[in-house]
Amino acid sequence: AARLVLRDLHRFRALALGPGLGRDDRTAAAVARLVAEAPCPIVVDA
């Protein structure tokens, strides 16, 4: 999912990430990549 989000994120001014995502290891890997690479301002929660 991180790859697909990053592919489209150039259209957005910001990213909000986290509430209700759950704690699956694969989810954590997606979160890690989005936090590291998202080019826009981000808010990270939950």
ModelCIF file with pLDDT and N, C-alpha, C, O atoms, coordinates in Angstrom:
data_MODEL
#
_entry.id   MODEL 
#
_entity.id                         1 
_entity.type                       polymer 
_entity.pdbx_number_of_molecules   1 
#
_entity_poly.entity_id                      1 
_entity_poly.type                           'polypeptide(L)' 
_entity_poly.nstd_linkage                   no 
_entity_poly.nstd_monomer                   no 
_entity_poly.pdbx_seq_one_letter_code       AARLVLRDLHRFRALALGPGLGRDDRTAAAVARLVAEAPCPIVVDA 
_entity_poly.pdbx_seq_one_letter_code_can   AARLVLRDLHRFRALALGPGLGRDDRTAAAVARLVAEAPCPIVVDA 
_entity_poly.pdbx_strand_id                 A 
#
loop_
_entity_poly_seq.entity_id 
_entity_poly_seq.num 
_entity_poly_seq.mon_id 
_entity_poly_seq.hetero 
1 1  ALA n 
1 2  ALA n 
1 3  ARG n 
1 4  LEU n 
1 5  VAL n 
1 6  LEU n 
1 7  ARG n 
1 8  ASP n 
1 9  LEU n 
1 10 HIS n 
1 11 ARG n 
1 12 PHE n 
1 13 ARG n 
1 14 ALA n 
1 15 LEU n 
1 16 ALA n 
1 17 LEU n 
1 18 GLY n 
1 19 PRO n 
1 20 GLY n 
1 21 LEU n 
1 22 GLY n 
1 23 ARG n 
1 24 ASP n 
1 25 ASP n 
1 26 ARG n 
1 27 THR n 
1 28 ALA n 
1 29 ALA n 
1 30 ALA n 
1 31 VAL n 
1 32 ALA n 
1 33 ARG n 
1 34 LEU n 
1 35 VAL n 
1 36 ALA n 
1 37 GLU n 
1 38 ALA n 
1 39 PRO n 
1 40 CYS n 
1 41 PRO n 
1 42 ILE n 
1 43 VAL n 
1 44 VAL n 
1 45 ASP n 
1 46 ALA n 
#
_struct_asym.id          A 
_struct_asym.entity_id   1 
#
loop_
_ma_qa_metric.id 
_ma_qa_metric.mode 
_ma_qa_metric.name 
_ma_qa_metric.software_group_id 
_ma_qa_metric.type 
1 global pLDDT . pLDDT 
2 local  pLDDT . pLDDT 
#
_ma_qa_metric_global.metric_id      1 
_ma_qa_metric_global.metric_value   97.09 
_ma_qa_metric_global.model_id       1 
_ma_qa_metric_global.ordinal_id     1 
#
loop_
_ma_qa_metric_local.label_asym_id 
_ma_qa_metric_local.label_comp_id 
_ma_qa_metric_local.label_seq_id 
_ma_qa_metric_local.metric_id 
_ma_qa_metric_local.metric_value 
_ma_qa_metric_local.model_id 
_ma_qa_metric_local.ordinal_id 
A ALA 1  2 97.00 1 1  
A ALA 2  2 98.00 1 2  
A ARG 3  2 98.00 1 3  
A LEU 4  2 97.00 1 4  
A VAL 5  2 98.00 1 5  
A LEU 6  2 98.00 1 6  
A ARG 7  2 97.00 1 7  
A ASP 8  2 95.00 1 8  
A LEU 9  2 96.00 1 9  
A HIS 10 2 95.00 1 10 
A ARG 11 2 95.00 1 11 
A PHE 12 2 97.00 1 12 
A ARG 13 2 97.00 1 13 
A ALA 14 2 98.00 1 14 
A LEU 15 2 98.00 1 15 
A ALA 16 2 98.00 1 16 
A LEU 17 2 98.00 1 17 
A GLY 18 2 97.00 1 18 
A PRO 19 2 96.00 1 19 
A GLY 20 2 95.00 1 20 
A LEU 21 2 95.00 1 21 
A GLY 22 2 93.00 1 22 
A ARG 23 2 94.00 1 23 
A ASP 24 2 96.00 1 24 
A ASP 25 2 97.00 1 25 
A ARG 26 2 97.00 1 26 
A THR 27 2 97.00 1 27 
A ALA 28 2 97.00 1 28 
A ALA 29 2 98.00 1 29 
A ALA 30 2 98.00 1 30 
A VAL 31 2 98.00 1 31 
A ALA 32 2 98.00 1 32 
A ARG 33 2 98.00 1 33 
A LEU 34 2 98.00 1 34 
A VAL 35 2 98.00 1 35 
A ALA 36 2 98.00 1 36 
A GLU 37 2 98.00 1 37 
A ALA 38 2 98.00 1 38 
A PRO 39 2 98.00 1 39 
A CYS 40 2 98.00 1 40 
A PRO 41 2 98.00 1 41 
A ILE 42 2 98.00 1 42 
A VAL 43 2 98.00 1 43 
A VAL 44 2 98.00 1 44 
A ASP 45 2 98.00 1 45 
A ALA 46 2 96.00 1 46 
#
loop_
_atom_site.group_PDB 
_atom_site.id 
_atom_site.type_symbol 
_atom_site.label_atom_id 
_atom_site.label_alt_id 
_atom_site.label_comp_id 
_atom_site.label_asym_id 
_atom_site.label_entity_id 
_atom_site.label_seq_id 
_atom_site.pdbx_PDB_ins_code 
_atom_site.Cartn_x 
_atom_site.Cartn_y 
_atom_site.Cartn_z 
_atom_site.occupancy 
_atom_site.B_iso_or_equiv 
_atom_site.pdbx_formal_charge 
_atom_site.auth_seq_id 
_atom_site.auth_comp_id 
_atom_site.auth_asym_id 
_atom_site.auth_atom_id 
_atom_site.pdbx_PDB_model_num 
ATOM 1   N N  . ALA A 1 1  ? 0.821  -1.200 0.000  1.00 97.00 ? 1  ALA A N  1 
ATOM 2   C CA . ALA A 1 1  ? 0.000  0.000  0.000  1.00 97.00 ? 1  ALA A CA 1 
ATOM 3   C C  . ALA A 1 1  ? 0.865  1.266  0.000  1.00 97.00 ? 1  ALA A C  1 
ATOM 4   O O  . ALA A 1 1  ? 0.483  2.276  -0.591 1.00 97.00 ? 1  ALA A O  1 
ATOM 5   N N  . ALA A 1 2  ? 2.014  1.215  0.652  1.00 98.00 ? 2  ALA A N  1 
ATOM 6   C CA . ALA A 1 2  ? 2.875  2.390  0.712  1.00 98.00 ? 2  ALA A CA 1 
ATOM 7   C C  . ALA A 1 2  ? 3.305  2.832  -0.682 1.00 98.00 ? 2  ALA A C  1 
ATOM 8   O O  . ALA A 1 2  ? 3.343  4.029  -0.969 1.00 98.00 ? 2  ALA A O  1 
ATOM 9   N N  . ARG A 1 3  ? 3.628  1.876  -1.546 1.00 98.00 ? 3  ARG A N  1 
ATOM 10  C CA . ARG A 1 3  ? 4.062  2.217  -2.910 1.00 98.00 ? 3  ARG A CA 1 
ATOM 11  C C  . ARG A 1 3  ? 2.955  2.948  -3.663 1.00 98.00 ? 3  ARG A C  1 
ATOM 12  O O  . ARG A 1 3  ? 3.218  3.926  -4.364 1.00 98.00 ? 3  ARG A O  1 
ATOM 13  N N  . LEU A 1 4  ? 1.733  2.483  -3.523 1.00 97.00 ? 4  LEU A N  1 
ATOM 14  C CA . LEU A 1 4  ? 0.619  3.103  -4.237 1.00 97.00 ? 4  LEU A CA 1 
ATOM 15  C C  . LEU A 1 4  ? 0.314  4.496  -3.703 1.00 97.00 ? 4  LEU A C  1 
ATOM 16  O O  . LEU A 1 4  ? 0.025  5.412  -4.473 1.00 97.00 ? 4  LEU A O  1 
ATOM 17  N N  . VAL A 1 5  ? 0.376  4.654  -2.404 1.00 98.00 ? 5  VAL A N  1 
ATOM 18  C CA . VAL A 1 5  ? 0.144  5.977  -1.821 1.00 98.00 ? 5  VAL A CA 1 
ATOM 19  C C  . VAL A 1 5  ? 1.219  6.954  -2.284 1.00 98.00 ? 5  VAL A C  1 
ATOM 20  O O  . VAL A 1 5  ? 0.909  8.074  -2.692 1.00 98.00 ? 5  VAL A O  1 
ATOM 21  N N  . LEU A 1 6  ? 2.466  6.538  -2.223 1.00 98.00 ? 6  LEU A N  1 
ATOM 22  C CA . LEU A 1 6  ? 3.563  7.419  -2.625 1.00 98.00 ? 6  LEU A CA 1 
ATOM 23  C C  . LEU A 1 6  ? 3.466  7.786  -4.104 1.00 98.00 ? 6  LEU A C  1 
ATOM 24  O O  . LEU A 1 6  ? 3.846  8.887  -4.503 1.00 98.00 ? 6  LEU A O  1 
ATOM 25  N N  . ARG A 1 7  ? 2.964  6.872  -4.904 1.00 97.00 ? 7  ARG A N  1 
ATOM 26  C CA . ARG A 1 7  ? 2.819  7.143  -6.345 1.00 97.00 ? 7  ARG A CA 1 
ATOM 27  C C  . ARG A 1 7  ? 1.858  8.306  -6.597 1.00 97.00 ? 7  ARG A C  1 
ATOM 28  O O  . ARG A 1 7  ? 2.052  9.091  -7.525 1.00 97.00 ? 7  ARG A O  1 
ATOM 29  N N  . ASP A 1 8  ? 0.812  8.410  -5.756 1.00 95.00 ? 8  ASP A N  1 
ATOM 30  C CA . ASP A 1 8  ? -0.220 9.434  -5.970 1.00 95.00 ? 8  ASP A CA 1 
ATOM 31  C C  . ASP A 1 8  ? -0.070 10.656 -5.079 1.00 95.00 ? 8  ASP A C  1 
ATOM 32  O O  . ASP A 1 8  ? -0.816 11.623 -5.231 1.00 95.00 ? 8  ASP A O  1 
ATOM 33  N N  . LEU A 1 9  ? 0.878  10.631 -4.157 1.00 96.00 ? 9  LEU A N  1 
ATOM 34  C CA . LEU A 1 9  ? 0.910  11.673 -3.122 1.00 96.00 ? 9  LEU A CA 1 
ATOM 35  C C  . LEU A 1 9  ? 1.311  13.045 -3.669 1.00 96.00 ? 9  LEU A C  1 
ATOM 36  O O  . LEU A 1 9  ? 1.100  14.057 -3.000 1.00 96.00 ? 9  LEU A O  1 
ATOM 37  N N  . HIS A 1 10 ? 1.885  13.094 -4.869 1.00 95.00 ? 10 HIS A N  1 
ATOM 38  C CA . HIS A 1 10 ? 2.282  14.377 -5.434 1.00 95.00 ? 10 HIS A CA 1 
ATOM 39  C C  . HIS A 1 10 ? 1.082  15.304 -5.644 1.00 95.00 ? 10 HIS A C  1 
ATOM 40  O O  . HIS A 1 10 ? 1.257  16.517 -5.758 1.00 95.00 ? 10 HIS A O  1 
ATOM 41  N N  . ARG A 1 11 ? -0.122 14.753 -5.697 1.00 95.00 ? 11 ARG A N  1 
ATOM 42  C CA . ARG A 1 11 ? -1.331 15.561 -5.919 1.00 95.00 ? 11 ARG A CA 1 
ATOM 43  C C  . ARG A 1 11 ? -1.824 16.198 -4.621 1.00 95.00 ? 11 ARG A C  1 
ATOM 44  O O  . ARG A 1 11 ? -2.665 17.096 -4.648 1.00 95.00 ? 11 ARG A O  1 
ATOM 45  N N  . PHE A 1 12 ? -1.306 15.740 -3.499 1.00 97.00 ? 12 PHE A N  1 
ATOM 46  C CA . PHE A 1 12 ? -1.821 16.173 -2.198 1.00 97.00 ? 12 PHE A CA 1 
ATOM 47  C C  . PHE A 1 12 ? -0.835 17.105 -1.509 1.00 97.00 ? 12 PHE A C  1 
ATOM 48  O O  . PHE A 1 12 ? 0.369  17.061 -1.758 1.00 97.00 ? 12 PHE A O  1 
ATOM 49  N N  . ARG A 1 13 ? -1.380 17.952 -0.634 1.00 97.00 ? 13 ARG A N  1 
ATOM 50  C CA . ARG A 1 13 ? -0.537 18.878 0.125  1.00 97.00 ? 13 ARG A CA 1 
ATOM 51  C C  . ARG A 1 13 ? -0.125 18.309 1.480  1.00 97.00 ? 13 ARG A C  1 
ATOM 52  O O  . ARG A 1 13 ? 0.802  18.824 2.106  1.00 97.00 ? 13 ARG A O  1 
ATOM 53  N N  . ALA A 1 14 ? -0.795 17.258 1.941  1.00 98.00 ? 14 ALA A N  1 
ATOM 54  C CA . ALA A 1 14 ? -0.472 16.693 3.255  1.00 98.00 ? 14 ALA A CA 1 
ATOM 55  C C  . ALA A 1 14 ? -1.015 15.276 3.354  1.00 98.00 ? 14 ALA A C  1 
ATOM 56  O O  . ALA A 1 14 ? -1.864 14.858 2.566  1.00 98.00 ? 14 ALA A O  1 
ATOM 57  N N  . LEU A 1 15 ? -0.499 14.539 4.354  1.00 98.00 ? 15 LEU A N  1 
ATOM 58  C CA . LEU A 1 15 ? -0.899 13.152 4.608  1.00 98.00 ? 15 LEU A CA 1 
ATOM 59  C C  . LEU A 1 15 ? -1.199 12.980 6.084  1.00 98.00 ? 15 LEU A C  1 
ATOM 60  O O  . LEU A 1 15 ? -0.410 13.390 6.936  1.00 98.00 ? 15 LEU A O  1 
ATOM 61  N N  . ALA A 1 16 ? -2.346 12.370 6.391  1.00 98.00 ? 16 ALA A N  1 
ATOM 62  C CA . ALA A 1 16 ? -2.690 11.993 7.767  1.00 98.00 ? 16 ALA A CA 1 
ATOM 63  C C  . ALA A 1 16 ? -2.665 10.478 7.863  1.00 98.00 ? 16 ALA A C  1 
ATOM 64  O O  . ALA A 1 16 ? -3.267 9.788  7.040  1.00 98.00 ? 16 ALA A O  1 
ATOM 65  N N  . LEU A 1 17 ? -1.974 9.964  8.859  1.00 98.00 ? 17 LEU A N  1 
ATOM 66  C CA . LEU A 1 17 ? -1.647 8.539  8.883  1.00 98.00 ? 17 LEU A CA 1 
ATOM 67  C C  . LEU A 1 17 ? -1.862 7.947  10.269 1.00 98.00 ? 17 LEU A C  1 
ATOM 68  O O  . LEU A 1 17 ? -1.368 8.484  11.260 1.00 98.00 ? 17 LEU A O  1 
ATOM 69  N N  . GLY A 1 18 ? -2.606 6.829  10.339 1.00 97.00 ? 18 GLY A N  1 
ATOM 70  C CA . GLY A 1 18 ? -2.571 6.055  11.566 1.00 97.00 ? 18 GLY A CA 1 
ATOM 71  C C  . GLY A 1 18 ? -3.835 5.564  12.212 1.00 97.00 ? 18 GLY A C  1 
ATOM 72  O O  . GLY A 1 18 ? -3.914 4.376  12.525 1.00 97.00 ? 18 GLY A O  1 
ATOM 73  N N  . PRO A 1 19 ? -4.855 6.415  12.440 1.00 96.00 ? 19 PRO A N  1 
ATOM 74  C CA . PRO A 1 19 ? -5.998 5.955  13.243 1.00 96.00 ? 19 PRO A CA 1 
ATOM 75  C C  . PRO A 1 19 ? -6.675 4.716  12.664 1.00 96.00 ? 19 PRO A C  1 
ATOM 76  O O  . PRO A 1 19 ? -7.033 4.681  11.487 1.00 96.00 ? 19 PRO A O  1 
ATOM 77  N N  . GLY A 1 20 ? -6.841 3.710  13.505 1.00 95.00 ? 20 GLY A N  1 
ATOM 78  C CA . GLY A 1 20 ? -7.567 2.513  13.116 1.00 95.00 ? 20 GLY A CA 1 
ATOM 79  C C  . GLY A 1 20 ? -6.824 1.565  12.205 1.00 95.00 ? 20 GLY A C  1 
ATOM 80  O O  . GLY A 1 20 ? -7.424 0.612  11.707 1.00 95.00 ? 20 GLY A O  1 
ATOM 81  N N  . LEU A 1 21 ? -5.527 1.787  11.962 1.00 95.00 ? 21 LEU A N  1 
ATOM 82  C CA . LEU A 1 21 ? -4.793 0.925  11.022 1.00 95.00 ? 21 LEU A CA 1 
ATOM 83  C C  . LEU A 1 21 ? -4.549 -0.476 11.560 1.00 95.00 ? 21 LEU A C  1 
ATOM 84  O O  . LEU A 1 21 ? -4.404 -1.417 10.780 1.00 95.00 ? 21 LEU A O  1 
ATOM 85  N N  . GLY A 1 22 ? -4.500 -0.631 12.874 1.00 93.00 ? 22 GLY A N  1 
ATOM 86  C CA . GLY A 1 22 ? -4.147 -1.924 13.439 1.00 93.00 ? 22 GLY A CA 1 
ATOM 87  C C  . GLY A 1 22 ? -2.638 -2.095 13.557 1.00 93.00 ? 22 GLY A C  1 
ATOM 88  O O  . GLY A 1 22 ? -1.879 -1.199 13.188 1.00 93.00 ? 22 GLY A O  1 
ATOM 89  N N  . ARG A 1 23 ? -2.205 -3.239 14.069 1.00 94.00 ? 23 ARG A N  1 
ATOM 90  C CA . ARG A 1 23 ? -0.787 -3.407 14.414 1.00 94.00 ? 23 ARG A CA 1 
ATOM 91  C C  . ARG A 1 23 ? -0.149 -4.613 13.732 1.00 94.00 ? 23 ARG A C  1 
ATOM 92  O O  . ARG A 1 23 ? 0.778  -5.219 14.270 1.00 94.00 ? 23 ARG A O  1 
ATOM 93  N N  . ASP A 1 24 ? -0.640 -4.951 12.568 1.00 96.00 ? 24 ASP A N  1 
ATOM 94  C CA . ASP A 1 24 ? -0.047 -6.018 11.774 1.00 96.00 ? 24 ASP A CA 1 
ATOM 95  C C  . ASP A 1 24 ? 1.366  -5.607 11.348 1.00 96.00 ? 24 ASP A C  1 
ATOM 96  O O  . ASP A 1 24 ? 1.620  -4.434 11.075 1.00 96.00 ? 24 ASP A O  1 
ATOM 97  N N  . ASP A 1 25 ? 2.280  -6.578 11.292 1.00 97.00 ? 25 ASP A N  1 
ATOM 98  C CA . ASP A 1 25 ? 3.662  -6.277 10.898 1.00 97.00 ? 25 ASP A CA 1 
ATOM 99  C C  . ASP A 1 25 ? 3.731  -5.692 9.494  1.00 97.00 ? 25 ASP A C  1 
ATOM 100 O O  . ASP A 1 25 ? 4.561  -4.824 9.224  1.00 97.00 ? 25 ASP A O  1 
ATOM 101 N N  . ARG A 1 26 ? 2.860  -6.162 8.593  1.00 97.00 ? 26 ARG A N  1 
ATOM 102 C CA . ARG A 1 26 ? 2.870  -5.634 7.227  1.00 97.00 ? 26 ARG A CA 1 
ATOM 103 C C  . ARG A 1 26 ? 2.368  -4.190 7.203  1.00 97.00 ? 26 ARG A C  1 
ATOM 104 O O  . ARG A 1 26 ? 2.825  -3.379 6.398  1.00 97.00 ? 26 ARG A O  1 
ATOM 105 N N  . THR A 1 27 ? 1.435  -3.883 8.081  1.00 97.00 ? 27 THR A N  1 
ATOM 106 C CA . THR A 1 27 ? 0.980  -2.495 8.210  1.00 97.00 ? 27 THR A CA 1 
ATOM 107 C C  . THR A 1 27 ? 2.112  -1.616 8.717  1.00 97.00 ? 27 THR A C  1 
ATOM 108 O O  . THR A 1 27 ? 2.314  -0.507 8.224  1.00 97.00 ? 27 THR A O  1 
ATOM 109 N N  . ALA A 1 28 ? 2.845  -2.113 9.697  1.00 97.00 ? 28 ALA A N  1 
ATOM 110 C CA . ALA A 1 28 ? 3.973  -1.358 10.250 1.00 97.00 ? 28 ALA A CA 1 
ATOM 111 C C  . ALA A 1 28 ? 5.020  -1.072 9.178  1.00 97.00 ? 28 ALA A C  1 
ATOM 112 O O  . ALA A 1 28 ? 5.610  0.008  9.159  1.00 97.00 ? 28 ALA A O  1 
ATOM 113 N N  . ALA A 1 29 ? 5.253  -2.037 8.283  1.00 98.00 ? 29 ALA A N  1 
ATOM 114 C CA . ALA A 1 29 ? 6.218  -1.823 7.203  1.00 98.00 ? 29 ALA A CA 1 
ATOM 115 C C  . ALA A 1 29 ? 5.745  -0.726 6.250  1.00 98.00 ? 29 ALA A C  1 
ATOM 116 O O  . ALA A 1 29 ? 6.543  0.088  5.785  1.00 98.00 ? 29 ALA A O  1 
ATOM 117 N N  . ALA A 1 30 ? 4.439  -0.711 5.964  1.00 98.00 ? 30 ALA A N  1 
ATOM 118 C CA . ALA A 1 30 ? 3.892  0.337  5.108  1.00 98.00 ? 30 ALA A CA 1 
ATOM 119 C C  . ALA A 1 30 ? 4.008  1.703  5.779  1.00 98.00 ? 30 ALA A C  1 
ATOM 120 O O  . ALA A 1 30 ? 4.370  2.690  5.138  1.00 98.00 ? 30 ALA A O  1 
ATOM 121 N N  . VAL A 1 31 ? 3.700  1.751  7.068  1.00 98.00 ? 31 VAL A N  1 
ATOM 122 C CA . VAL A 1 31 ? 3.813  2.991  7.817  1.00 98.00 ? 31 VAL A CA 1 
ATOM 123 C C  . VAL A 1 31 ? 5.244  3.505  7.780  1.00 98.00 ? 31 VAL A C  1 
ATOM 124 O O  . VAL A 1 31 ? 5.475  4.691  7.546  1.00 98.00 ? 31 VAL A O  1 
ATOM 125 N N  . ALA A 1 32 ? 6.200  2.620  8.009  1.00 98.00 ? 32 ALA A N  1 
ATOM 126 C CA . ALA A 1 32 ? 7.609  3.021  8.032  1.00 98.00 ? 32 ALA A CA 1 
ATOM 127 C C  . ALA A 1 32 ? 8.020  3.666  6.715  1.00 98.00 ? 32 ALA A C  1 
ATOM 128 O O  . ALA A 1 32 ? 8.702  4.690  6.709  1.00 98.00 ? 32 ALA A O  1 
ATOM 129 N N  . ARG A 1 33 ? 7.611  3.076  5.609  1.00 98.00 ? 33 ARG A N  1 
ATOM 130 C CA . ARG A 1 33 ? 7.999  3.636  4.314  1.00 98.00 ? 33 ARG A CA 1 
ATOM 131 C C  . ARG A 1 33 ? 7.320  4.985  4.071  1.00 98.00 ? 33 ARG A C  1 
ATOM 132 O O  . ARG A 1 33 ? 7.950  5.910  3.558  1.00 98.00 ? 33 ARG A O  1 
ATOM 133 N N  . LEU A 1 34 ? 6.050  5.104  4.432  1.00 98.00 ? 34 LEU A N  1 
ATOM 134 C CA . LEU A 1 34 ? 5.353  6.371  4.231  1.00 98.00 ? 34 LEU A CA 1 
ATOM 135 C C  . LEU A 1 34 ? 5.976  7.485  5.064  1.00 98.00 ? 34 LEU A C  1 
ATOM 136 O O  . LEU A 1 34 ? 6.154  8.602  4.577  1.00 98.00 ? 34 LEU A O  1 
ATOM 137 N N  . VAL A 1 35 ? 6.304  7.188  6.308  1.00 98.00 ? 35 VAL A N  1 
ATOM 138 C CA . VAL A 1 35 ? 6.922  8.203  7.158  1.00 98.00 ? 35 VAL A CA 1 
ATOM 139 C C  . VAL A 1 35 ? 8.275  8.616  6.604  1.00 98.00 ? 35 VAL A C  1 
ATOM 140 O O  . VAL A 1 35 ? 8.610  9.800  6.614  1.00 98.00 ? 35 VAL A O  1 
ATOM 141 N N  . ALA A 1 36 ? 9.048  7.667  6.125  1.00 98.00 ? 36 ALA A N  1 
ATOM 142 C CA . ALA A 1 36 ? 10.386 7.966  5.633  1.00 98.00 ? 36 ALA A CA 1 
ATOM 143 C C  . ALA A 1 36 ? 10.370 8.727  4.314  1.00 98.00 ? 36 ALA A C  1 
ATOM 144 O O  . ALA A 1 36 ? 11.250 9.552  4.068  1.00 98.00 ? 36 ALA A O  1 
ATOM 145 N N  . GLU A 1 37 ? 9.371  8.457  3.453  1.00 98.00 ? 37 GLU A N  1 
ATOM 146 C CA . GLU A 1 37 ? 9.452  8.950  2.075  1.00 98.00 ? 37 GLU A CA 1 
ATOM 147 C C  . GLU A 1 37 ? 8.385  9.953  1.663  1.00 98.00 ? 37 GLU A C  1 
ATOM 148 O O  . GLU A 1 37 ? 8.553  10.606 0.633  1.00 98.00 ? 37 GLU A O  1 
ATOM 149 N N  . ALA A 1 38 ? 7.316  10.109 2.395  1.00 98.00 ? 38 ALA A N  1 
ATOM 150 C CA . ALA A 1 38 ? 6.260  11.034 1.974  1.00 98.00 ? 38 ALA A CA 1 
ATOM 151 C C  . ALA A 1 38 ? 6.841  12.441 1.805  1.00 98.00 ? 38 ALA A C  1 
ATOM 152 O O  . ALA A 1 38 ? 7.396  12.988 2.758  1.00 98.00 ? 38 ALA A O  1 
ATOM 153 N N  . PRO A 1 39 ? 6.726  13.034 0.622  1.00 98.00 ? 39 PRO A N  1 
ATOM 154 C CA . PRO A 1 39 ? 7.378  14.321 0.382  1.00 98.00 ? 39 PRO A CA 1 
ATOM 155 C C  . PRO A 1 39 ? 6.640  15.513 0.978  1.00 98.00 ? 39 PRO A C  1 
ATOM 156 O O  . PRO A 1 39 ? 7.193  16.610 1.057  1.00 98.00 ? 39 PRO A O  1 
ATOM 157 N N  . CYS A 1 40 ? 5.400  15.307 1.397  1.00 98.00 ? 40 CYS A N  1 
ATOM 158 C CA . CYS A 1 40 ? 4.578  16.397 1.922  1.00 98.00 ? 40 CYS A CA 1 
ATOM 159 C C  . CYS A 1 40 ? 4.572  16.375 3.450  1.00 98.00 ? 40 CYS A C  1 
ATOM 160 O O  . CYS A 1 40 ? 5.034  15.402 4.047  1.00 98.00 ? 40 CYS A O  1 
ATOM 161 N N  . PRO A 1 41 ? 4.065  17.414 4.089  1.00 98.00 ? 41 PRO A N  1 
ATOM 162 C CA . PRO A 1 41 ? 3.903  17.376 5.550  1.00 98.00 ? 41 PRO A CA 1 
ATOM 163 C C  . PRO A 1 41 ? 2.987  16.228 5.966  1.00 98.00 ? 41 PRO A C  1 
ATOM 164 O O  . PRO A 1 41 ? 2.026  15.911 5.264  1.00 98.00 ? 41 PRO A O  1 
ATOM 165 N N  . ILE A 1 42 ? 3.286  15.604 7.110  1.00 98.00 ? 42 ILE A N  1 
ATOM 166 C CA . ILE A 1 42 ? 2.494  14.465 7.575  1.00 98.00 ? 42 ILE A CA 1 
ATOM 167 C C  . ILE A 1 42 ? 2.171  14.603 9.051  1.00 98.00 ? 42 ILE A C  1 
ATOM 168 O O  . ILE A 1 42 ? 2.941  15.176 9.822  1.00 98.00 ? 42 ILE A O  1 
ATOM 169 N N  . VAL A 1 43 ? 1.017  14.065 9.431  1.00 98.00 ? 43 VAL A N  1 
ATOM 170 C CA . VAL A 1 43 ? 0.649  13.925 10.839 1.00 98.00 ? 43 VAL A CA 1 
ATOM 171 C C  . VAL A 1 43 ? 0.474  12.448 11.116 1.00 98.00 ? 43 VAL A C  1 
ATOM 172 O O  . VAL A 1 43 ? -0.193 11.741 10.360 1.00 98.00 ? 43 VAL A O  1 
ATOM 173 N N  . VAL A 1 44 ? 1.076  11.978 12.205 1.00 98.00 ? 44 VAL A N  1 
ATOM 174 C CA . VAL A 1 44 ? 1.137  10.549 12.518 1.00 98.00 ? 44 VAL A CA 1 
ATOM 175 C C  . VAL A 1 44 ? 0.493  10.322 13.881 1.00 98.00 ? 44 VAL A C  1 
ATOM 176 O O  . VAL A 1 44 ? 0.849  10.969 14.866 1.00 98.00 ? 44 VAL A O  1 
ATOM 177 N N  . ASP A 1 45 ? -0.463 9.389  13.921 1.00 98.00 ? 45 ASP A N  1 
ATOM 178 C CA . ASP A 1 45 ? -1.237 9.187  15.149 1.00 98.00 ? 45 ASP A CA 1 
ATOM 179 C C  . ASP A 1 45 ? -1.484 7.701  15.364 1.00 98.00 ? 45 ASP A C  1 
ATOM 180 O O  . ASP A 1 45 ? -1.298 6.882  14.463 1.00 98.00 ? 45 ASP A O  1 
ATOM 181 N N  . ALA A 1 46 ? -1.907 7.376  16.575 1.00 96.00 ? 46 ALA A N  1 
ATOM 182 C CA . ALA A 1 46 ? -2.497 6.073  16.924 1.00 96.00 ? 46 ALA A CA 1 
ATOM 183 C C  . ALA A 1 46 ? -1.605 4.902  16.521 1.00 96.00 ? 46 ALA A C  1 
ATOM 184 O O  . ALA A 1 46 ? -1.963 3.746  16.747 1.00 96.00 ? 46 ALA A O  1 
#
